[in-house]
Amino acid sequence: MSNANPKNSDGFIGGKNVVAFPTNPGLSTHSKTKALSIKEMQKEIMGIKELINPMLSLTSDEESDDVEKLTERISNLERDVAVLKERTKKLDDLPTKAEITGLFTDSINNSNIATKDHVNSKVEQATSNIIKWIIATTLTVGGLVIAIIKLF
């Protein structure tokens, strides 16, 4: 993995079921780290296995340990890809950003949540009512004062 770009060497990039995976230019037409689907990763692993199998019969005892370690690492890689495949299946059911945005927009539009304009309208109505009451109260008190003055 020394030829992998550290920014893209692990984790998900792009769409669903796609991970960054360093490739060997000798095994495929890829020369840089690129996004591979899980199926492509499994094909790459099978290609590596096909290259190693003929080498097993040609190796000496000293080399067989290295080949055995390599075979074990490939088996671990296959297992990890299978785990990755299983985990990414769960991601397929997640809603997209557009779906979530649509749900929020629909829920806000269909609910009775007060908008800024609605609140401003209600505040203006309340202010208008208060002014009317002040004027009416002032006139009433003024009329009472005049009526009391006329009595005396």
C-alpha atoms as a PDB file:
ATOM      1  CA  MET A   1       0.000   0.000   0.000  1.00  0.00           C
ATOM      2  CA  SER A   2       2.965   2.276  -0.222  1.00  0.00           C
ATOM      3  CA  ASN A   3       1.856   3.584  -3.613  1.00  0.00           C
ATOM      4  CA  ALA A   4      -1.571   4.580  -2.231  1.00  0.00           C
ATOM      5  CA  ASN A   5      -2.530   8.211  -1.929  1.00  0.00           C
ATOM      6  CA  PRO A   6      -2.949   8.846   1.829  1.00  0.00           C
ATOM      7  CA  LYS A   7      -6.007  11.030   1.231  1.00  0.00           C
ATOM      8  CA  ASN A   8      -7.806   8.243  -0.626  1.00  0.00           C
ATOM      9  CA  SER A   9      -6.255   5.068   0.760  1.00  0.00           C
ATOM     10  CA  ASP A  10      -9.156   4.111   2.998  1.00  0.00           C
ATOM     11  CA  GLY A  11     -12.784   4.946   3.596  1.00  0.00           C
ATOM     12  CA  PHE A  12     -15.609   5.528   1.203  1.00  0.00           C
ATOM     13  CA  ILE A  13     -15.446   7.888  -1.726  1.00  0.00           C
ATOM     14  CA  GLY A  14     -17.852   8.572  -4.520  1.00  0.00           C
ATOM     15  CA  GLY A  15     -21.054   6.573  -4.538  1.00  0.00           C
ATOM     16  CA  LYS A  16     -22.292   3.592  -2.613  1.00  0.00           C
ATOM     17  CA  ASN A  17     -20.230   0.375  -2.361  1.00  0.00           C
ATOM     18  CA  VAL A  18     -17.072   2.098  -3.562  1.00  0.00           C
ATOM     19  CA  VAL A  19     -13.814   2.312  -1.623  1.00  0.00           C
ATOM     20  CA  ALA A  20     -10.331   3.541  -2.397  1.00  0.00           C
ATOM     21  CA  PHE A  21      -8.070   0.605  -3.174  1.00  0.00           C
ATOM     22  CA  PRO A  22      -4.458   0.770  -4.374  1.00  0.00           C
ATOM     23  CA  THR A  23      -3.973  -1.350  -7.441  1.00  0.00           C
ATOM     24  CA  ASN A  24      -0.939  -3.060  -8.883  1.00  0.00           C
ATOM     25  CA  PRO A  25      -0.194  -1.880 -12.442  1.00  0.00           C
ATOM     26  CA  GLY A  26       1.102  -5.368 -13.266  1.00  0.00           C
ATOM     27  CA  LEU A  27      -2.268  -6.942 -12.501  1.00  0.00           C
ATOM     28  CA  SER A  28      -4.599  -4.553 -14.248  1.00  0.00           C
ATOM     29  CA  THR A  29      -4.719  -1.444 -16.392  1.00  0.00           C
ATOM     30  CA  HIS A  30      -4.884   0.746 -13.284  1.00  0.00           C
ATOM     31  CA  SER A  31      -1.773   2.649 -12.308  1.00  0.00           C
ATOM     32  CA  LYS A  32      -3.047   4.904  -9.532  1.00  0.00           C
ATOM     33  CA  THR A  33      -5.334   4.560  -6.566  1.00  0.00           C
ATOM     34  CA  LYS A  34      -8.864   4.604  -7.906  1.00  0.00           C
ATOM     35  CA  ALA A  35     -12.344   3.856  -6.729  1.00  0.00           C
ATOM     36  CA  LEU A  36     -13.120   0.164  -7.088  1.00  0.00           C
ATOM     37  CA  SER A  37     -16.406  -1.526  -6.484  1.00  0.00           C
ATOM     38  CA  ILE A  38     -16.390  -4.577  -4.244  1.00  0.00           C
ATOM     39  CA  LYS A  39     -16.828  -6.843  -7.265  1.00  0.00           C
ATOM     40  CA  GLU A  40     -13.791  -5.258  -8.911  1.00  0.00           C
ATOM     41  CA  MET A  41     -11.806  -5.761  -5.712  1.00  0.00           C
ATOM     42  CA  GLN A  42     -12.789  -9.439  -5.672  1.00  0.00           C
ATOM     43  CA  LYS A  43     -11.680  -9.778  -9.322  1.00  0.00           C
ATOM     44  CA  GLU A  44      -8.322  -8.194  -8.458  1.00  0.00           C
ATOM     45  CA  ILE A  45      -7.850 -10.635  -5.573  1.00  0.00           C
ATOM     46  CA  MET A  46      -8.702 -13.569  -7.857  1.00  0.00           C
ATOM     47  CA  GLY A  47      -6.111 -12.262 -10.348  1.00  0.00           C
ATOM     48  CA  ILE A  48      -3.481 -12.178  -7.615  1.00  0.00           C
ATOM     49  CA  LYS A  49      -4.361 -15.718  -6.572  1.00  0.00           C
ATOM     50  CA  GLU A  50      -4.060 -16.910 -10.172  1.00  0.00           C
ATOM     51  CA  LEU A  51      -0.595 -15.367 -10.363  1.00  0.00           C
ATOM     52  CA  ILE A  52       0.520 -16.944  -7.079  1.00  0.00           C
ATOM     53  CA  ASN A  53      -0.776 -20.496  -7.632  1.00  0.00           C
ATOM     54  CA  PRO A  54       1.751 -21.372 -10.424  1.00  0.00           C
ATOM     55  CA  MET A  55       4.524 -19.928  -8.250  1.00  0.00           C
ATOM     56  CA  LEU A  56       3.745 -22.376  -5.416  1.00  0.00           C
ATOM     57  CA  SER A  57       5.072 -25.344  -7.352  1.00  0.00           C
ATOM     58  CA  LEU A  58       8.226 -23.473  -8.395  1.00  0.00           C
ATOM     59  CA  THR A  59       9.263 -22.217  -4.955  1.00  0.00           C
ATOM     60  CA  SER A  60      11.874 -23.696  -2.667  1.00  0.00           C
ATOM     61  CA  ASP A  61      11.275 -24.366   1.022  1.00  0.00           C
ATOM     62  CA  GLU A  62      12.662 -20.975   2.019  1.00  0.00           C
ATOM     63  CA  GLU A  63      10.485 -19.176  -0.495  1.00  0.00           C
ATOM     64  CA  SER A  64       7.444 -21.245   0.363  1.00  0.00           C
ATOM     65  CA  ASP A  65       7.237 -19.518   3.757  1.00  0.00           C
ATOM     66  CA  ASP A  66       7.023 -16.165   1.992  1.00  0.00           C
ATOM     67  CA  VAL A  67       4.452 -17.488  -0.450  1.00  0.00           C
ATOM     68  CA  GLU A  68       2.506 -19.017   2.435  1.00  0.00           C
ATOM     69  CA  LYS A  69       2.508 -15.653   4.231  1.00  0.00           C
ATOM     70  CA  LEU A  70       1.394 -13.985   1.016  1.00  0.00           C
ATOM     71  CA  THR A  71      -1.376 -16.550   0.560  1.00  0.00           C
ATOM     72  CA  GLU A  72      -2.496 -15.957   4.144  1.00  0.00           C
ATOM     73  CA  ARG A  73      -2.552 -12.211   3.570  1.00  0.00           C
ATOM     74  CA  ILE A  74      -4.631 -12.703   0.441  1.00  0.00           C
ATOM     75  CA  SER A  75      -7.066 -14.867   2.393  1.00  0.00           C
ATOM     76  CA  ASN A  76      -7.312 -12.138   5.020  1.00  0.00           C
ATOM     77  CA  LEU A  77      -7.891  -9.618   2.259  1.00  0.00           C
ATOM     78  CA  GLU A  78     -10.693 -11.777   0.827  1.00  0.00           C
ATOM     79  CA  ARG A  79     -12.279 -12.001   4.263  1.00  0.00           C
ATOM     80  CA  ASP A  80     -12.011  -8.239   4.749  1.00  0.00           C
ATOM     81  CA  VAL A  81     -13.595  -7.600   1.347  1.00  0.00           C
ATOM     82  CA  ALA A  82     -16.457  -9.945   2.263  1.00  0.00           C
ATOM     83  CA  VAL A  83     -16.961  -8.037   5.530  1.00  0.00           C
ATOM     84  CA  LEU A  84     -16.830  -4.765   3.629  1.00  0.00           C
ATOM     85  CA  LYS A  85     -19.395  -6.071   1.163  1.00  0.00           C
ATOM     86  CA  GLU A  86     -21.716  -7.048   4.013  1.00  0.00           C
ATOM     87  CA  ARG A  87     -21.346  -3.660   5.700  1.00  0.00           C
ATOM     88  CA  THR A  88     -21.984  -1.699   2.518  1.00  0.00           C
ATOM     89  CA  LYS A  89     -25.254  -3.569   1.963  1.00  0.00           C
ATOM     90  CA  LYS A  90     -26.578  -1.643   4.945  1.00  0.00           C
ATOM     91  CA  LEU A  91     -25.635   1.641   3.269  1.00  0.00           C
ATOM     92  CA  ASP A  92     -27.826   0.898   0.254  1.00  0.00           C
ATOM     93  CA  ASP A  93     -30.943   1.394   2.375  1.00  0.00           C
ATOM     94  CA  LEU A  94     -29.941   4.817   3.689  1.00  0.00           C
ATOM     95  CA  PRO A  95     -31.807   7.790   2.211  1.00  0.00           C
ATOM     96  CA  THR A  96     -29.931  10.235   0.019  1.00  0.00           C
ATOM     97  CA  LYS A  97     -29.372  13.875   0.894  1.00  0.00           C
ATOM     98  CA  ALA A  98     -32.107  14.889  -1.575  1.00  0.00           C
ATOM     99  CA  GLU A  99     -34.599  12.487   0.030  1.00  0.00           C
ATOM    100  CA  ILE A 100     -33.857  13.829   3.518  1.00  0.00           C
ATOM    101  CA  THR A 101     -34.143  17.431   2.298  1.00  0.00           C
ATOM    102  CA  GLY A 102     -37.470  16.591   0.674  1.00  0.00           C
ATOM    103  CA  LEU A 103     -38.763  15.014   3.879  1.00  0.00           C
ATOM    104  CA  PHE A 104     -37.811  18.069   5.935  1.00  0.00           C
ATOM    105  CA  THR A 105     -39.326  20.461   3.389  1.00  0.00           C
ATOM    106  CA  ASP A 106     -42.558  18.464   3.253  1.00  0.00           C
ATOM    107  CA  SER A 107     -42.830  18.235   7.027  1.00  0.00           C
ATOM    108  CA  ILE A 108     -42.268  21.974   7.440  1.00  0.00           C
ATOM    109  CA  ASN A 109     -44.721  22.890   4.669  1.00  0.00           C
ATOM    110  CA  ASN A 110     -47.402  20.502   5.926  1.00  0.00           C
ATOM    111  CA  SER A 111     -47.160  21.479   9.584  1.00  0.00           C
ATOM    112  CA  ASN A 112     -48.586  24.497  11.364  1.00  0.00           C
ATOM    113  CA  ILE A 113     -45.206  25.995  12.105  1.00  0.00           C
ATOM    114  CA  ALA A 114     -45.386  29.784  12.137  1.00  0.00           C
ATOM    115  CA  THR A 115     -43.410  31.534   9.440  1.00  0.00           C
ATOM    116  CA  LYS A 116     -41.680  34.858   9.934  1.00  0.00           C
ATOM    117  CA  ASP A 117     -44.346  36.678   7.893  1.00  0.00           C
ATOM    118  CA  HIS A 118     -47.130  35.069   9.929  1.00  0.00           C
ATOM    119  CA  VAL A 119     -45.518  36.100  13.206  1.00  0.00           C
ATOM    120  CA  ASN A 120     -44.965  39.680  11.935  1.00  0.00           C
ATOM    121  CA  SER A 121     -48.626  39.860  10.882  1.00  0.00           C
ATOM    122  CA  LYS A 122     -49.808  38.715  14.308  1.00  0.00           C
ATOM    123  CA  VAL A 123     -47.515  41.215  16.078  1.00  0.00           C
ATOM    124  CA  GLU A 124     -48.837  44.053  13.896  1.00  0.00           C
ATOM    125  CA  GLN A 125     -52.442  42.998  14.669  1.00  0.00           C
ATOM    126  CA  ALA A 126     -51.691  42.926  18.387  1.00  0.00           C
ATOM    127  CA  THR A 127     -50.020  46.342  18.235  1.00  0.00           C
ATOM    128  CA  SER A 128     -52.991  47.736  16.316  1.00  0.00           C
ATOM    129  CA  ASN A 129     -55.427  46.306  18.875  1.00  0.00           C
ATOM    130  CA  ILE A 130     -53.429  47.796  21.763  1.00  0.00           C
ATOM    131  CA  ILE A 131     -53.446  51.243  20.099  1.00  0.00           C
ATOM    132  CA  LYS A 132     -57.238  50.995  19.552  1.00  0.00           C
ATOM    133  CA  TRP A 133     -57.767  50.069  23.202  1.00  0.00           C
ATOM    134  CA  ILE A 134     -55.582  52.933  24.423  1.00  0.00           C
ATOM    135  CA  ILE A 135     -57.513  55.424  22.266  1.00  0.00           C
ATOM    136  CA  ALA A 136     -60.890  53.995  23.353  1.00  0.00           C
ATOM    137  CA  THR A 137     -59.872  53.951  27.023  1.00  0.00           C
ATOM    138  CA  THR A 138     -58.599  57.523  26.806  1.00  0.00           C
ATOM    139  CA  LEU A 139     -61.857  58.689  25.210  1.00  0.00           C
ATOM    140  CA  THR A 140     -63.902  56.818  27.817  1.00  0.00           C
ATOM    141  CA  VAL A 141     -61.928  58.267  30.715  1.00  0.00           C
ATOM    142  CA  GLY A 142     -62.191  61.709  29.111  1.00  0.00           C
ATOM    143  CA  GLY A 143     -65.965  61.286  28.776  1.00  0.00           C
ATOM    144  CA  LEU A 144     -66.237  60.192  32.409  1.00  0.00           C
ATOM    145  CA  VAL A 145     -64.178  63.182  33.543  1.00  0.00           C
ATOM    146  CA  ILE A 146     -66.459  65.543  31.564  1.00  0.00           C
ATOM    147  CA  ALA A 147     -69.580  63.847  32.972  1.00  0.00           C
ATOM    148  CA  ILE A 148     -68.284  64.171  36.531  1.00  0.00           C
ATOM    149  CA  ILE A 149     -67.426  67.853  35.971  1.00  0.00           C
ATOM    150  CA  LYS A 150     -70.965  68.533  34.650  1.00  0.00           C
ATOM    151  CA  LEU A 151     -72.487  66.952  37.724  1.00  0.00           C
ATOM    152  CA  PHE A 152     -70.755  69.391  40.061  1.00  0.00           C
END
